[in-house]
Amino acid sequence: MSLQQIIIHVRFAPNGRVIQIGQRPGKLTPNGWFDVLNTRASSAYQPLARGRGVFRLSRTAVDTLKQETAGPG
């Protein structure tokens, strides 16, 4: 049995702000979600050219991070 891997794509503006990021919970800004991922899973981040990068995480890890950042409903 293999774990499903999720690739979360990130795009940055020239000033370093996150303009687009995948799997983002609705309550977080793009920068806020990047901060969570960068704090909790920085070893899973791979920078790419042209202001882009990816996080490679298991589905379980992504779901856990989303639940932890969702807060009270």
C-alpha atoms as a PDB file:
ATOM      1  CA  MET A   1       0.000   0.000   0.000  1.00  0.00           C
ATOM      2  CA  SER A   2       1.467   3.370  -0.993  1.00  0.00           C
ATOM      3  CA  LEU A   3       0.649   6.779   0.415  1.00  0.00           C
ATOM      4  CA  GLN A   4      -0.875   9.261  -1.977  1.00  0.00           C
ATOM      5  CA  GLN A   5       1.503  12.175  -2.509  1.00  0.00           C
ATOM      6  CA  ILE A   6       0.157  15.680  -3.037  1.00  0.00           C
ATOM      7  CA  ILE A   7       2.135  18.352  -4.861  1.00  0.00           C
ATOM      8  CA  ILE A   8       1.231  21.862  -3.751  1.00  0.00           C
ATOM      9  CA  HIS A   9       2.319  24.442  -6.317  1.00  0.00           C
ATOM     10  CA  VAL A  10       3.347  27.938  -5.173  1.00  0.00           C
ATOM     11  CA  ARG A  11       3.774  31.055  -7.334  1.00  0.00           C
ATOM     12  CA  PHE A  12       5.479  34.174  -6.045  1.00  0.00           C
ATOM     13  CA  ALA A  13       5.242  37.803  -7.145  1.00  0.00           C
ATOM     14  CA  PRO A  14       8.525  39.616  -7.860  1.00  0.00           C
ATOM     15  CA  ASN A  15       8.326  41.172  -4.364  1.00  0.00           C
ATOM     16  CA  GLY A  16       8.213  37.697  -2.732  1.00  0.00           C
ATOM     17  CA  ARG A  17       4.518  37.622  -1.835  1.00  0.00           C
ATOM     18  CA  VAL A  18       2.632  34.422  -2.596  1.00  0.00           C
ATOM     19  CA  ILE A  19       0.121  35.041  -5.371  1.00  0.00           C
ATOM     20  CA  GLN A  20      -1.088  31.480  -5.856  1.00  0.00           C
ATOM     21  CA  ILE A  21      -0.846  28.292  -3.789  1.00  0.00           C
ATOM     22  CA  GLY A  22      -2.666  24.974  -4.035  1.00  0.00           C
ATOM     23  CA  GLN A  23      -4.773  23.186  -1.420  1.00  0.00           C
ATOM     24  CA  ARG A  24      -5.316  26.447   0.488  1.00  0.00           C
ATOM     25  CA  PRO A  25      -7.967  26.408   3.215  1.00  0.00           C
ATOM     26  CA  GLY A  26     -10.559  29.143   2.637  1.00  0.00           C
ATOM     27  CA  LYS A  27      -9.826  30.939   5.921  1.00  0.00           C
ATOM     28  CA  LEU A  28      -6.152  31.550   5.085  1.00  0.00           C
ATOM     29  CA  THR A  29      -4.552  34.004   2.700  1.00  0.00           C
ATOM     30  CA  PRO A  30      -2.055  32.606   0.191  1.00  0.00           C
ATOM     31  CA  ASN A  31       0.801  33.983   2.343  1.00  0.00           C
ATOM     32  CA  GLY A  32      -0.785  32.538   5.483  1.00  0.00           C
ATOM     33  CA  TRP A  33      -1.004  29.031   3.993  1.00  0.00           C
ATOM     34  CA  PHE A  34       2.579  29.256   2.739  1.00  0.00           C
ATOM     35  CA  ASP A  35       3.699  30.284   6.236  1.00  0.00           C
ATOM     36  CA  VAL A  36       1.962  27.242   7.747  1.00  0.00           C
ATOM     37  CA  LEU A  37       3.533  24.893   5.203  1.00  0.00           C
ATOM     38  CA  ASN A  38       6.940  26.526   5.487  1.00  0.00           C
ATOM     39  CA  THR A  39       6.867  26.337   9.295  1.00  0.00           C
ATOM     40  CA  ARG A  40       5.553  22.794   9.573  1.00  0.00           C
ATOM     41  CA  ALA A  41       6.930  21.123   6.424  1.00  0.00           C
ATOM     42  CA  SER A  42       9.873  23.160   5.141  1.00  0.00           C
ATOM     43  CA  SER A  43      11.848  20.003   4.347  1.00  0.00           C
ATOM     44  CA  ALA A  44       9.158  19.088   1.797  1.00  0.00           C
ATOM     45  CA  TYR A  45       9.675  22.337  -0.157  1.00  0.00           C
ATOM     46  CA  GLN A  46      11.520  22.460  -3.464  1.00  0.00           C
ATOM     47  CA  PRO A  47      12.220  25.869  -5.046  1.00  0.00           C
ATOM     48  CA  LEU A  48      11.835  26.086  -8.814  1.00  0.00           C
ATOM     49  CA  ALA A  49      12.773  28.707 -11.404  1.00  0.00           C
ATOM     50  CA  ARG A  50      10.736  31.788 -12.302  1.00  0.00           C
ATOM     51  CA  GLY A  51       9.226  32.463  -8.880  1.00  0.00           C
ATOM     52  CA  ARG A  52       7.734  29.056  -8.314  1.00  0.00           C
ATOM     53  CA  GLY A  53       8.092  26.177  -5.889  1.00  0.00           C
ATOM     54  CA  VAL A  54       6.383  22.992  -4.729  1.00  0.00           C
ATOM     55  CA  PHE A  55       5.682  21.203  -1.471  1.00  0.00           C
ATOM     56  CA  ARG A  56       5.559  17.399  -1.761  1.00  0.00           C
ATOM     57  CA  LEU A  57       3.495  15.975   1.081  1.00  0.00           C
ATOM     58  CA  SER A  58       1.341  12.947   1.797  1.00  0.00           C
ATOM     59  CA  ARG A  59      -2.429  13.366   1.617  1.00  0.00           C
ATOM     60  CA  THR A  60      -2.547  12.619   5.354  1.00  0.00           C
ATOM     61  CA  ALA A  61      -0.081  15.430   6.145  1.00  0.00           C
ATOM     62  CA  VAL A  62      -2.026  17.950   4.021  1.00  0.00           C
ATOM     63  CA  ASP A  63      -5.337  16.960   5.625  1.00  0.00           C
ATOM     64  CA  THR A  64      -3.816  17.246   9.108  1.00  0.00           C
ATOM     65  CA  LEU A  65      -2.395  20.714   8.403  1.00  0.00           C
ATOM     66  CA  LYS A  66      -5.746  21.872   7.028  1.00  0.00           C
ATOM     67  CA  GLN A  67      -7.596  20.619  10.101  1.00  0.00           C
ATOM     68  CA  GLU A  68      -5.112  22.255  12.473  1.00  0.00           C
ATOM     69  CA  THR A  69      -5.399  25.625  10.729  1.00  0.00           C
ATOM     70  CA  ALA A  70      -9.181  25.551  10.252  1.00  0.00           C
ATOM     71  CA  GLY A  71      -9.856  26.619  13.821  1.00  0.00           C
ATOM     72  CA  PRO A  72     -13.328  26.586  15.343  1.00  0.00           C
ATOM     73  CA  GLY A  73     -16.058  26.554  12.747  1.00  0.00           C
END
